[in-house]
């Protein structure tokens, strides 16, 4: 293989992708790709329905404790970094936009755009996790991380309910972060496939399905942000 052939195989371009045999992507139990895509999408929606019930239970627990200890939860909420929370919300909304554009690029068979949009979404998701890790470290430094045997320092009234607020804060944001990590791993796999000229045109279903998951995770944060950062901000 010549030097020039090797270089061209590494670069990402918008050259027409190689044609894929539909049979290679079609599972034996389906008649055609469209039927398979519809089944995949239905499966994702069913999965997201279970996720809604799971997060709904966590939100309900938060709502119950907050109604019982409203003043303590508001005081504890003031200890969260509103700037970093707002910045993370903006980062995640931008990642939703790049994910939606990636789905469009896959449908339109724009190989180069798809690859870079997936990488951009991964980068934004990583930035979100980095900011969240920074917040966690700040809470650890101030003794506001009541996890395991870590000491919890609270010099204001209602230490017990305040500790409960931070318990729920770390549980809710930790579960959300775990979903982000899973989403980033899936996006990395898709980016490799996109680099190889796959996932285009009729084969875009994995990008579409992953987009549904990514948007769901973003929506969960849209609910978490006001519940944790904003409700007590003006009390």
Foldseek 3Di string as FASTA:
>chain_A
DDPVVVVVLQDFAQPQFDDDDQVVVDDPVDPGLVVVLVVLQVVLVVVVVVVCVVVVVLVVVLVVLCVVPVPLLLVLLVPADLVLLVVLLVLLVVLLVLLVVLLVCQQVLRLVSNLVSLVSSLVSLVVSVVSVVVRVVVCLVVQLQPPDPGHHDDPDPPSPSSNVSNVSVCVLVVVLNVLSVVLSVLSVVVSVCSSNSACHHSNVSSSVSSSVSSVSSSVSSVVVSCSRHPPSPVD
